[in-house]
């Protein structure tokens, strides 16, 4: 028997976007296609992704923009979400979500 395995507790479930940014998780889940460019919904998403406290990373940080100065990686990922949206890359957004969840799990979950 491995002594290390005896110290490991029950398997923890992986964190999801719904756990840390439920508003954005719901949006991305319900909107399989990104909003039509220059539509009212597109502008709403675009400006929310551009405002640090309202974007996906900001929501995960309690609707705060403090992460911009406190965590360079969160800041970078936040900007990447905006870029992926701007170029209409659903695949890019999914990659950004996975990158963010991995980072959040490693650096911000206690």
PDB file of N, CA and C in Angstrom:
ATOM      1  N   UNK A   1       0.843  -1.182   0.000  1.00  0.00           N
ATOM      2  CA  UNK A   1       0.000   0.000   0.000  1.00  0.00           C
ATOM      3  C   UNK A   1       0.886   1.242   0.000  1.00  0.00           C
ATOM      4  N   UNK A   2       0.531   2.234  -0.763  1.00  0.00           N
ATOM      5  CA  UNK A   2       1.298   3.459  -0.891  1.00  0.00           C
ATOM      6  C   UNK A   2       0.871   4.444   0.200  1.00  0.00           C
ATOM      7  N   UNK A   3       1.801   4.884   1.029  1.00  0.00           N
ATOM      8  CA  UNK A   3       1.484   5.798   2.126  1.00  0.00           C
ATOM      9  C   UNK A   3       0.948   7.127   1.601  1.00  0.00           C
ATOM     10  N   UNK A   4       1.446   7.573   0.457  1.00  0.00           N
ATOM     11  CA  UNK A   4       0.983   8.838  -0.105  1.00  0.00           C
ATOM     12  C   UNK A   4      -0.491   8.757  -0.491  1.00  0.00           C
ATOM     13  N   UNK A   5      -0.923   7.649  -1.070  1.00  0.00           N
ATOM     14  CA  UNK A   5      -2.323   7.529  -1.473  1.00  0.00           C
ATOM     15  C   UNK A   5      -3.254   7.501  -0.273  1.00  0.00           C
ATOM     16  N   UNK A   6      -2.756   7.072   0.883  1.00  0.00           N
ATOM     17  CA  UNK A   6      -3.583   7.070   2.084  1.00  0.00           C
ATOM     18  C   UNK A   6      -3.874   8.487   2.567  1.00  0.00           C
ATOM     19  N   UNK A   7      -3.038   9.447   2.186  1.00  0.00           N
ATOM     20  CA  UNK A   7      -3.210  10.823   2.626  1.00  0.00           C
ATOM     21  C   UNK A   7      -4.130  11.623   1.707  1.00  0.00           C
ATOM     22  N   UNK A   8      -4.382  11.097   0.557  1.00  0.00           N
ATOM     23  CA  UNK A   8      -5.206  11.805  -0.414  1.00  0.00           C
ATOM     24  C   UNK A   8      -6.672  11.565  -0.082  1.00  0.00           C
ATOM     25  N   UNK A   9      -7.418  12.653   0.013  1.00  0.00           N
ATOM     26  CA  UNK A   9      -8.839  12.569   0.338  1.00  0.00           C
ATOM     27  C   UNK A   9      -9.647  12.151  -0.871  1.00  0.00           C
ATOM     28  N   UNK A  10     -10.961  12.177  -0.722  1.00  0.00           N
ATOM     29  CA  UNK A  10     -11.831  11.829  -1.844  1.00  0.00           C
ATOM     30  C   UNK A  10     -11.539  12.742  -3.043  1.00  0.00           C
ATOM     31  N   UNK A  11     -11.779  12.236  -4.197  1.00  0.00           N
ATOM     32  CA  UNK A  11     -11.531  13.003  -5.415  1.00  0.00           C
ATOM     33  C   UNK A  11     -12.387  14.260  -5.420  1.00  0.00           C
ATOM     34  N   UNK A  12     -11.722  15.385  -5.644  1.00  0.00           N
ATOM     35  CA  UNK A  12     -12.442  16.648  -5.723  1.00  0.00           C
ATOM     36  C   UNK A  12     -12.929  16.844  -7.149  1.00  0.00           C
ATOM     37  N   UNK A  13     -14.090  17.464  -7.268  1.00  0.00           N
ATOM     38  CA  UNK A  13     -14.601  17.705  -8.613  1.00  0.00           C
ATOM     39  C   UNK A  13     -13.925  18.936  -9.192  1.00  0.00           C
ATOM     40  N   UNK A  14     -13.739  18.908 -10.472  1.00  0.00           N
ATOM     41  CA  UNK A  14     -13.082  20.026 -11.151  1.00  0.00           C
ATOM     42  C   UNK A  14     -13.978  21.254 -11.092  1.00  0.00           C
ATOM     43  N   UNK A  15     -13.345  22.405 -10.958  1.00  0.00           N
ATOM     44  CA  UNK A  15     -14.085  23.662 -10.930  1.00  0.00           C
ATOM     45  C   UNK A  15     -14.632  23.944 -12.331  1.00  0.00           C
ATOM     46  N   UNK A  16     -15.801  24.543 -12.391  1.00  0.00           N
ATOM     47  CA  UNK A  16     -16.411  24.894 -13.675  1.00  0.00           C
ATOM     48  C   UNK A  16     -16.597  26.405 -13.750  1.00  0.00           C
ATOM     49  N   UNK A  17     -16.855  26.897 -14.942  1.00  0.00           N
ATOM     50  CA  UNK A  17     -17.110  28.319 -15.106  1.00  0.00           C
ATOM     51  C   UNK A  17     -18.365  28.714 -14.329  1.00  0.00           C
ATOM     52  N   UNK A  18     -19.340  27.817 -14.246  1.00  0.00           N
ATOM     53  CA  UNK A  18     -20.557  28.099 -13.484  1.00  0.00           C
ATOM     54  C   UNK A  18     -20.261  28.345 -12.012  1.00  0.00           C
ATOM     55  N   UNK A  19     -19.216  27.734 -11.502  1.00  0.00           N
ATOM     56  CA  UNK A  19     -18.844  27.912 -10.097  1.00  0.00           C
ATOM     57  C   UNK A  19     -18.297  29.309  -9.806  1.00  0.00           C
ATOM     58  N   UNK A  20     -17.568  29.869 -10.744  1.00  0.00           N
ATOM     59  CA  UNK A  20     -16.879  31.125 -10.464  1.00  0.00           C
ATOM     60  C   UNK A  20     -17.404  32.328 -11.255  1.00  0.00           C
ATOM     61  N   UNK A  21     -18.070  32.086 -12.366  1.00  0.00           N
ATOM     62  CA  UNK A  21     -18.634  33.173 -13.179  1.00  0.00           C
ATOM     63  C   UNK A  21     -19.965  32.696 -13.770  1.00  0.00           C
ATOM     64  N   UNK A  22     -20.987  32.525 -12.916  1.00  0.00           N
ATOM     65  CA  UNK A  22     -22.238  31.923 -13.385  1.00  0.00           C
ATOM     66  C   UNK A  22     -22.967  32.708 -14.473  1.00  0.00           C
ATOM     67  N   UNK A  23     -22.909  34.027 -14.422  1.00  0.00           N
ATOM     68  CA  UNK A  23     -23.588  34.828 -15.448  1.00  0.00           C
ATOM     69  C   UNK A  23     -22.994  34.553 -16.824  1.00  0.00           C
ATOM     70  N   UNK A  24     -21.666  34.589 -16.899  1.00  0.00           N
ATOM     71  CA  UNK A  24     -21.009  34.345 -18.178  1.00  0.00           C
ATOM     72  C   UNK A  24     -21.137  32.887 -18.607  1.00  0.00           C
ATOM     73  N   UNK A  25     -21.094  31.976 -17.647  1.00  0.00           N
ATOM     74  CA  UNK A  25     -21.258  30.555 -17.992  1.00  0.00           C
ATOM     75  C   UNK A  25     -22.618  30.329 -18.643  1.00  0.00           C
ATOM     76  N   UNK A  26     -23.639  30.931 -18.072  1.00  0.00           N
ATOM     77  CA  UNK A  26     -24.996  30.780 -18.617  1.00  0.00           C
ATOM     78  C   UNK A  26     -25.071  31.389 -20.014  1.00  0.00           C
ATOM     79  N   UNK A  27     -24.508  32.573 -20.174  1.00  0.00           N
ATOM     80  CA  UNK A  27     -24.499  33.228 -21.486  1.00  0.00           C
ATOM     81  C   UNK A  27     -23.838  32.355 -22.550  1.00  0.00           C
ATOM     82  N   UNK A  28     -22.643  31.872 -22.217  1.00  0.00           N
ATOM     83  CA  UNK A  28     -21.897  31.080 -23.199  1.00  0.00           C
ATOM     84  C   UNK A  28     -22.576  29.750 -23.486  1.00  0.00           C
ATOM     85  N   UNK A  29     -23.260  29.195 -22.509  1.00  0.00           N
ATOM     86  CA  UNK A  29     -23.963  27.926 -22.701  1.00  0.00           C
ATOM     87  C   UNK A  29     -25.223  28.118 -23.550  1.00  0.00           C
ATOM     88  N   UNK A  30     -25.977  29.175 -23.262  1.00  0.00           N
ATOM     89  CA  UNK A  30     -27.232  29.413 -23.980  1.00  0.00           C
ATOM     90  C   UNK A  30     -27.007  29.918 -25.397  1.00  0.00           C
ATOM     91  N   UNK A  31     -25.939  30.647 -25.593  1.00  0.00           N
ATOM     92  CA  UNK A  31     -25.642  31.220 -26.912  1.00  0.00           C
ATOM     93  C   UNK A  31     -24.612  30.353 -27.619  1.00  0.00           C
ATOM     94  N   UNK A  32     -25.076  29.309 -28.267  1.00  0.00           N
ATOM     95  CA  UNK A  32     -24.145  28.423 -28.983  1.00  0.00           C
ATOM     96  C   UNK A  32     -23.432  29.170 -30.105  1.00  0.00           C
ATOM     97  N   UNK A  33     -24.136  30.107 -30.715  1.00  0.00           N
ATOM     98  CA  UNK A  33     -23.512  30.968 -31.714  1.00  0.00           C
ATOM     99  C   UNK A  33     -23.261  32.322 -31.075  1.00  0.00           C
ATOM    100  N   UNK A  34     -22.147  32.914 -31.371  1.00  0.00           N
ATOM    101  CA  UNK A  34     -21.861  34.235 -30.822  1.00  0.00           C
ATOM    102  C   UNK A  34     -22.824  35.258 -31.420  1.00  0.00           C
ATOM    103  N   UNK A  35     -23.088  36.341 -30.693  1.00  0.00           N
ATOM    104  CA  UNK A  35     -23.997  37.355 -31.224  1.00  0.00           C
ATOM    105  C   UNK A  35     -23.546  37.868 -32.587  1.00  0.00           C
ATOM    106  N   UNK A  36     -24.516  38.233 -33.396  1.00  0.00           N
ATOM    107  CA  UNK A  36     -24.233  38.761 -34.727  1.00  0.00           C
ATOM    108  C   UNK A  36     -23.430  40.053 -34.581  1.00  0.00           C
ATOM    109  N   UNK A  37     -22.342  40.197 -35.348  1.00  0.00           N
ATOM    110  CA  UNK A  37     -21.505  41.397 -35.228  1.00  0.00           C
ATOM    111  C   UNK A  37     -22.307  42.687 -35.383  1.00  0.00           C
ATOM    112  N   UNK A  38     -22.001  43.624 -34.501  1.00  0.00           N
ATOM    113  CA  UNK A  38     -22.589  44.960 -34.469  1.00  0.00           C
ATOM    114  C   UNK A  38     -24.069  44.984 -34.080  1.00  0.00           C
ATOM    115  N   UNK A  39     -24.600  43.851 -33.643  1.00  0.00           N
ATOM    116  CA  UNK A  39     -25.969  43.834 -33.116  1.00  0.00           C
ATOM    117  C   UNK A  39     -25.948  44.406 -31.702  1.00  0.00           C
ATOM    118  N   UNK A  40     -27.103  44.707 -31.155  1.00  0.00           N
ATOM    119  CA  UNK A  40     -27.176  45.239 -29.793  1.00  0.00           C
ATOM    120  C   UNK A  40     -26.561  44.254 -28.811  1.00  0.00           C
ATOM    121  N   UNK A  41     -26.882  42.983 -28.952  1.00  0.00           N
ATOM    122  CA  UNK A  41     -26.309  41.973 -28.055  1.00  0.00           C
ATOM    123  C   UNK A  41     -24.791  41.902 -28.210  1.00  0.00           C
ATOM    124  N   UNK A  42     -24.300  41.991 -29.428  1.00  0.00           N
ATOM    125  CA  UNK A  42     -22.854  41.958 -29.666  1.00  0.00           C
ATOM    126  C   UNK A  42     -22.172  43.113 -28.927  1.00  0.00           C
ATOM    127  N   UNK A  43     -22.733  44.339 -29.069  1.00  0.00           N
ATOM    128  CA  UNK A  43     -22.153  45.492 -28.393  1.00  0.00           C
ATOM    129  C   UNK A  43     -22.185  45.316 -26.875  1.00  0.00           C
ATOM    130  N   UNK A  44     -23.280  44.772 -26.358  1.00  0.00           N
ATOM    131  CA  UNK A  44     -23.377  44.552 -24.911  1.00  0.00           C
ATOM    132  C   UNK A  44     -22.269  43.607 -24.432  1.00  0.00           C
ATOM    133  N   UNK A  45     -22.107  42.481 -25.113  1.00  0.00           N
ATOM    134  CA  UNK A  45     -21.058  41.518 -24.742  1.00  0.00           C
ATOM    135  C   UNK A  45     -19.678  42.159 -24.897  1.00  0.00           C
ATOM    136  N   UNK A  46     -19.474  42.834 -26.013  1.00  0.00           N
ATOM    137  CA  UNK A  46     -18.169  43.426 -26.286  1.00  0.00           C
ATOM    138  C   UNK A  46     -17.757  44.395 -25.172  1.00  0.00           C
ATOM    139  N   UNK A  47     -18.659  45.308 -24.813  1.00  0.00           N
ATOM    140  CA  UNK A  47     -18.320  46.291 -23.791  1.00  0.00           C
ATOM    141  C   UNK A  47     -18.186  45.652 -22.414  1.00  0.00           C
ATOM    142  N   UNK A  48     -18.962  44.629 -22.129  1.00  0.00           N
ATOM    143  CA  UNK A  48     -18.811  43.942 -20.848  1.00  0.00           C
ATOM    144  C   UNK A  48     -17.478  43.184 -20.794  1.00  0.00           C
ATOM    145  N   UNK A  49     -17.062  42.611 -21.908  1.00  0.00           N
ATOM    146  CA  UNK A  49     -15.757  41.937 -21.926  1.00  0.00           C
ATOM    147  C   UNK A  49     -14.612  42.940 -21.846  1.00  0.00           C
ATOM    148  N   UNK A  50     -14.863  44.178 -22.243  1.00  0.00           N
ATOM    149  CA  UNK A  50     -13.834  45.214 -22.231  1.00  0.00           C
ATOM    150  C   UNK A  50     -13.725  45.929 -20.879  1.00  0.00           C
ATOM    151  N   UNK A  51     -14.728  45.786 -20.027  1.00  0.00           N
ATOM    152  CA  UNK A  51     -14.720  46.422 -18.704  1.00  0.00           C
ATOM    153  C   UNK A  51     -14.252  45.375 -17.693  1.00  0.00           C
ATOM    154  N   UNK A  52     -13.070  45.558 -17.111  1.00  0.00           N
ATOM    155  CA  UNK A  52     -12.476  44.516 -16.267  1.00  0.00           C
ATOM    156  C   UNK A  52     -13.383  43.952 -15.171  1.00  0.00           C
ATOM    157  N   UNK A  53     -14.158  44.773 -14.495  1.00  0.00           N
ATOM    158  CA  UNK A  53     -14.981  44.235 -13.412  1.00  0.00           C
ATOM    159  C   UNK A  53     -16.240  43.524 -13.916  1.00  0.00           C
ATOM    160  N   UNK A  54     -16.573  43.681 -15.200  1.00  0.00           N
ATOM    161  CA  UNK A  54     -17.778  43.051 -15.751  1.00  0.00           C
ATOM    162  C   UNK A  54     -17.480  41.857 -16.643  1.00  0.00           C
ATOM    163  N   UNK A  55     -16.200  41.662 -16.977  1.00  0.00           N
ATOM    164  CA  UNK A  55     -15.835  40.554 -17.861  1.00  0.00           C
ATOM    165  C   UNK A  55     -15.850  39.235 -17.092  1.00  0.00           C
ATOM    166  N   UNK A  56     -15.512  38.165 -17.764  1.00  0.00           N
ATOM    167  CA  UNK A  56     -15.536  36.829 -17.162  1.00  0.00           C
ATOM    168  C   UNK A  56     -14.599  36.757 -15.958  1.00  0.00           C
ATOM    169  N   UNK A  57     -13.396  37.262 -16.110  1.00  0.00           N
ATOM    170  CA  UNK A  57     -12.417  37.221 -15.024  1.00  0.00           C
ATOM    171  C   UNK A  57     -12.873  38.126 -13.871  1.00  0.00           C
ATOM    172  N   UNK A  58     -13.435  39.276 -14.213  1.00  0.00           N
ATOM    173  CA  UNK A  58     -13.945  40.184 -13.189  1.00  0.00           C
ATOM    174  C   UNK A  58     -15.068  39.565 -12.382  1.00  0.00           C
ATOM    175  N   UNK A  59     -15.987  38.870 -13.056  1.00  0.00           N
ATOM    176  CA  UNK A  59     -17.068  38.200 -12.334  1.00  0.00           C
ATOM    177  C   UNK A  59     -16.502  37.163 -11.370  1.00  0.00           C
ATOM    178  N   UNK A  60     -15.514  36.420 -11.812  1.00  0.00           N
ATOM    179  CA  UNK A  60     -14.895  35.402 -10.949  1.00  0.00           C
ATOM    180  C   UNK A  60     -14.206  36.040  -9.743  1.00  0.00           C
ATOM    181  N   UNK A  61     -13.789  37.284  -9.894  1.00  0.00           N
ATOM    182  CA  UNK A  61     -13.134  38.008  -8.811  1.00  0.00           C
ATOM    183  C   UNK A  61     -14.110  38.882  -8.034  1.00  0.00           C
ATOM    184  N   UNK A  62     -15.370  38.489  -8.005  1.00  0.00           N
ATOM    185  CA  UNK A  62     -16.368  39.229  -7.228  1.00  0.00           C
ATOM    186  C   UNK A  62     -16.767  40.546  -7.844  1.00  0.00           C
ATOM    187  N   UNK A  63     -16.818  40.611  -9.166  1.00  0.00           N
ATOM    188  CA  UNK A  63     -17.149  41.830  -9.908  1.00  0.00           C
ATOM    189  C   UNK A  63     -16.214  42.971  -9.521  1.00  0.00           C
ATOM    190  N   UNK A  64     -14.952  42.633  -9.454  1.00  0.00           N
ATOM    191  CA  UNK A  64     -13.912  43.596  -9.099  1.00  0.00           C
ATOM    192  C   UNK A  64     -12.842  43.600 -10.181  1.00  0.00           C
ATOM    193  N   UNK A  65     -12.226  44.764 -10.355  1.00  0.00           N
ATOM    194  CA  UNK A  65     -11.134  44.855 -11.321  1.00  0.00           C
ATOM    195  C   UNK A  65      -9.774  44.789 -10.627  1.00  0.00           C
ATOM    196  N   UNK A  66      -9.762  44.488  -9.351  1.00  0.00           N
ATOM    197  CA  UNK A  66      -8.508  44.458  -8.595  1.00  0.00           C
ATOM    198  C   UNK A  66      -7.521  43.433  -9.146  1.00  0.00           C
ATOM    199  N   UNK A  67      -8.032  42.413  -9.822  1.00  0.00           N
ATOM    200  CA  UNK A  67      -7.154  41.375 -10.376  1.00  0.00           C
ATOM    201  C   UNK A  67      -6.167  41.935 -11.378  1.00  0.00           C
ATOM    202  N   UNK A  68      -6.508  43.068 -12.014  1.00  0.00           N
ATOM    203  CA  UNK A  68      -5.612  43.640 -13.026  1.00  0.00           C
ATOM    204  C   UNK A  68      -4.222  43.905 -12.465  1.00  0.00           C
ATOM    205  N   UNK A  69      -4.170  44.353 -11.222  1.00  0.00           N
ATOM    206  CA  UNK A  69      -2.887  44.653 -10.593  1.00  0.00           C
ATOM    207  C   UNK A  69      -2.370  43.491  -9.764  1.00  0.00           C
ATOM    208  N   UNK A  70      -3.264  42.625  -9.304  1.00  0.00           N
ATOM    209  CA  UNK A  70      -2.884  41.551  -8.387  1.00  0.00           C
ATOM    210  C   UNK A  70      -2.437  40.265  -9.079  1.00  0.00           C
ATOM    211  N   UNK A  71      -2.929  40.021 -10.295  1.00  0.00           N
ATOM    212  CA  UNK A  71      -2.596  38.769 -10.982  1.00  0.00           C
ATOM    213  C   UNK A  71      -2.416  39.037 -12.476  1.00  0.00           C
ATOM    214  N   UNK A  72      -1.181  39.029 -12.909  1.00  0.00           N
ATOM    215  CA  UNK A  72      -0.880  39.308 -14.319  1.00  0.00           C
ATOM    216  C   UNK A  72      -1.523  38.301 -15.251  1.00  0.00           C
ATOM    217  N   UNK A  73      -1.573  37.034 -14.815  1.00  0.00           N
ATOM    218  CA  UNK A  73      -2.151  36.015 -15.685  1.00  0.00           C
ATOM    219  C   UNK A  73      -3.661  36.214 -15.846  1.00  0.00           C
ATOM    220  N   UNK A  74      -4.356  36.545 -14.757  1.00  0.00           N
ATOM    221  CA  UNK A  74      -5.798  36.838 -14.865  1.00  0.00           C
ATOM    222  C   UNK A  74      -6.029  38.005 -15.818  1.00  0.00           C
ATOM    223  N   UNK A  75      -5.207  39.041 -15.691  1.00  0.00           N
ATOM    224  CA  UNK A  75      -5.330  40.203 -16.562  1.00  0.00           C
ATOM    225  C   UNK A  75      -5.136  39.803 -18.021  1.00  0.00           C
ATOM    226  N   UNK A  76      -4.122  39.005 -18.287  1.00  0.00           N
ATOM    227  CA  UNK A  76      -3.842  38.556 -19.650  1.00  0.00           C
ATOM    228  C   UNK A  76      -4.990  37.697 -20.203  1.00  0.00           C
ATOM    229  N   UNK A  77      -5.485  36.797 -19.378  1.00  0.00           N
ATOM    230  CA  UNK A  77      -6.586  35.928 -19.814  1.00  0.00           C
ATOM    231  C   UNK A  77      -7.836  36.758 -20.087  1.00  0.00           C
ATOM    232  N   UNK A  78      -8.084  37.756 -19.249  1.00  0.00           N
ATOM    233  CA  UNK A  78      -9.239  38.634 -19.464  1.00  0.00           C
ATOM    234  C   UNK A  78      -9.193  39.305 -20.825  1.00  0.00           C
ATOM    235  N   UNK A  79      -8.017  39.815 -21.185  1.00  0.00           N
ATOM    236  CA  UNK A  79      -7.870  40.444 -22.500  1.00  0.00           C
ATOM    237  C   UNK A  79      -8.012  39.421 -23.621  1.00  0.00           C
ATOM    238  N   UNK A  80      -7.559  38.197 -23.372  1.00  0.00           N
ATOM    239  CA  UNK A  80      -7.664  37.153 -24.389  1.00  0.00           C
ATOM    240  C   UNK A  80      -9.126  36.810 -24.674  1.00  0.00           C
ATOM    241  N   UNK A  81      -9.965  36.800 -23.633  1.00  0.00           N
ATOM    242  CA  UNK A  81     -11.404  36.580 -23.849  1.00  0.00           C
ATOM    243  C   UNK A  81     -11.958  37.617 -24.818  1.00  0.00           C
ATOM    244  N   UNK A  82     -11.597  38.880 -24.591  1.00  0.00           N
ATOM    245  CA  UNK A  82     -12.076  39.945 -25.472  1.00  0.00           C
ATOM    246  C   UNK A  82     -11.601  39.771 -26.904  1.00  0.00           C
ATOM    247  N   UNK A  83     -10.353  39.371 -27.057  1.00  0.00           N
ATOM    248  CA  UNK A  83      -9.816  39.149 -28.403  1.00  0.00           C
ATOM    249  C   UNK A  83     -10.558  38.007 -29.107  1.00  0.00           C
ATOM    250  N   UNK A  84     -10.748  36.899 -28.413  1.00  0.00           N
ATOM    251  CA  UNK A  84     -11.440  35.752 -29.021  1.00  0.00           C
ATOM    252  C   UNK A  84     -12.855  36.124 -29.436  1.00  0.00           C
ATOM    253  N   UNK A  85     -13.525  36.935 -28.616  1.00  0.00           N
ATOM    254  CA  UNK A  85     -14.868  37.381 -28.963  1.00  0.00           C
ATOM    255  C   UNK A  85     -14.827  38.287 -30.185  1.00  0.00           C
ATOM    256  N   UNK A  86     -13.889  39.211 -30.195  1.00  0.00           N
ATOM    257  CA  UNK A  86     -13.800  40.172 -31.290  1.00  0.00           C
ATOM    258  C   UNK A  86     -13.557  39.489 -32.628  1.00  0.00           C
ATOM    259  N   UNK A  87     -12.756  38.431 -32.639  1.00  0.00           N
ATOM    260  CA  UNK A  87     -12.497  37.721 -33.899  1.00  0.00           C
ATOM    261  C   UNK A  87     -13.505  36.591 -34.130  1.00  0.00           C
ATOM    262  N   UNK A  88     -14.529  36.533 -33.279  1.00  0.00           N
ATOM    263  CA  UNK A  88     -15.638  35.575 -33.396  1.00  0.00           C
ATOM    264  C   UNK A  88     -15.166  34.121 -33.355  1.00  0.00           C
ATOM    265  N   UNK A  89     -14.275  33.837 -32.447  1.00  0.00           N
ATOM    266  CA  UNK A  89     -13.750  32.482 -32.337  1.00  0.00           C
ATOM    267  C   UNK A  89     -14.378  31.764 -31.148  1.00  0.00           C
ATOM    268  N   UNK A  90     -15.384  30.965 -31.436  1.00  0.00           N
ATOM    269  CA  UNK A  90     -16.018  30.167 -30.380  1.00  0.00           C
ATOM    270  C   UNK A  90     -15.001  29.181 -29.800  1.00  0.00           C
ATOM    271  N   UNK A  91     -14.197  28.594 -30.668  1.00  0.00           N
ATOM    272  CA  UNK A  91     -13.154  27.677 -30.233  1.00  0.00           C
ATOM    273  C   UNK A  91     -12.137  28.401 -29.341  1.00  0.00           C
ATOM    274  N   UNK A  92     -11.794  29.625 -29.726  1.00  0.00           N
ATOM    275  CA  UNK A  92     -10.884  30.432 -28.919  1.00  0.00           C
ATOM    276  C   UNK A  92     -11.449  30.723 -27.539  1.00  0.00           C
ATOM    277  N   UNK A  93     -12.754  31.044 -27.475  1.00  0.00           N
ATOM    278  CA  UNK A  93     -13.393  31.293 -26.184  1.00  0.00           C
ATOM    279  C   UNK A  93     -13.381  30.038 -25.310  1.00  0.00           C
ATOM    280  N   UNK A  94     -13.634  28.889 -25.925  1.00  0.00           N
ATOM    281  CA  UNK A  94     -13.613  27.641 -25.163  1.00  0.00           C
ATOM    282  C   UNK A  94     -12.208  27.358 -24.633  1.00  0.00           C
ATOM    283  N   UNK A  95     -11.206  27.638 -25.448  1.00  0.00           N
ATOM    284  CA  UNK A  95      -9.817  27.473 -25.011  1.00  0.00           C
ATOM    285  C   UNK A  95      -9.502  28.441 -23.866  1.00  0.00           C
ATOM    286  N   UNK A  96      -9.987  29.682 -24.000  1.00  0.00           N
ATOM    287  CA  UNK A  96      -9.767  30.679 -22.954  1.00  0.00           C
ATOM    288  C   UNK A  96     -10.418  30.247 -21.640  1.00  0.00           C
ATOM    289  N   UNK A  97     -11.623  29.690 -21.723  1.00  0.00           N
ATOM    290  CA  UNK A  97     -12.305  29.201 -20.520  1.00  0.00           C
ATOM    291  C   UNK A  97     -11.463  28.117 -19.860  1.00  0.00           C
ATOM    292  N   UNK A  98     -10.983  27.165 -20.645  1.00  0.00           N
ATOM    293  CA  UNK A  98     -10.168  26.084 -20.085  1.00  0.00           C
ATOM    294  C   UNK A  98      -8.876  26.605 -19.465  1.00  0.00           C
ATOM    295  N   UNK A  99      -8.225  27.547 -20.142  1.00  0.00           N
ATOM    296  CA  UNK A  99      -7.002  28.150 -19.615  1.00  0.00           C
ATOM    297  C   UNK A  99      -7.300  28.860 -18.295  1.00  0.00           C
ATOM    298  N   UNK A 100      -8.398  29.606 -18.264  1.00  0.00           N
ATOM    299  CA  UNK A 100      -8.767  30.347 -17.065  1.00  0.00           C
ATOM    300  C   UNK A 100      -9.099  29.403 -15.908  1.00  0.00           C
ATOM    301  N   UNK A 101      -9.862  28.353 -16.190  1.00  0.00           N
ATOM    302  CA  UNK A 101     -10.226  27.412 -15.129  1.00  0.00           C
ATOM    303  C   UNK A 101      -8.986  26.714 -14.565  1.00  0.00           C
ATOM    304  N   UNK A 102      -8.059  26.364 -15.426  1.00  0.00           N
ATOM    305  CA  UNK A 102      -6.827  25.732 -14.959  1.00  0.00           C
ATOM    306  C   UNK A 102      -6.029  26.704 -14.085  1.00  0.00           C
ATOM    307  N   UNK A 103      -5.885  27.926 -14.553  1.00  0.00           N
ATOM    308  CA  UNK A 103      -5.166  28.945 -13.786  1.00  0.00           C
ATOM    309  C   UNK A 103      -5.864  29.195 -12.443  1.00  0.00           C
ATOM    310  N   UNK A 104      -7.179  29.361 -12.480  1.00  0.00           N
ATOM    311  CA  UNK A 104      -7.943  29.651 -11.264  1.00  0.00           C
ATOM    312  C   UNK A 104      -7.766  28.524 -10.250  1.00  0.00           C
ATOM    313  N   UNK A 105      -7.849  27.281 -10.735  1.00  0.00           N
ATOM    314  CA  UNK A 105      -7.700  26.126  -9.850  1.00  0.00           C
ATOM    315  C   UNK A 105      -6.316  26.068  -9.211  1.00  0.00           C
ATOM    316  N   UNK A 106      -5.304  26.422  -9.994  1.00  0.00           N
ATOM    317  CA  UNK A 106      -3.933  26.348  -9.506  1.00  0.00           C
ATOM    318  C   UNK A 106      -3.544  27.507  -8.595  1.00  0.00           C
ATOM    319  N   UNK A 107      -4.054  28.705  -8.878  1.00  0.00           N
ATOM    320  CA  UNK A 107      -3.565  29.898  -8.185  1.00  0.00           C
ATOM    321  C   UNK A 107      -4.554  30.546  -7.210  1.00  0.00           C
ATOM    322  N   UNK A 108      -5.857  30.325  -7.405  1.00  0.00           N
ATOM    323  CA  UNK A 108      -6.832  31.089  -6.619  1.00  0.00           C
ATOM    324  C   UNK A 108      -7.754  30.243  -5.738  1.00  0.00           C
ATOM    325  N   UNK A 109      -7.754  28.939  -5.931  1.00  0.00           N
ATOM    326  CA  UNK A 109      -8.571  28.091  -5.083  1.00  0.00           C
ATOM    327  C   UNK A 109      -7.747  27.722  -3.854  1.00  0.00           C
ATOM    328  N   UNK A 110      -8.344  27.932  -2.698  1.00  0.00           N
ATOM    329  CA  UNK A 110      -7.598  27.635  -1.463  1.00  0.00           C
ATOM    330  C   UNK A 110      -7.967  26.285  -0.908  1.00  0.00           C
TER     331      UNK A 110
END
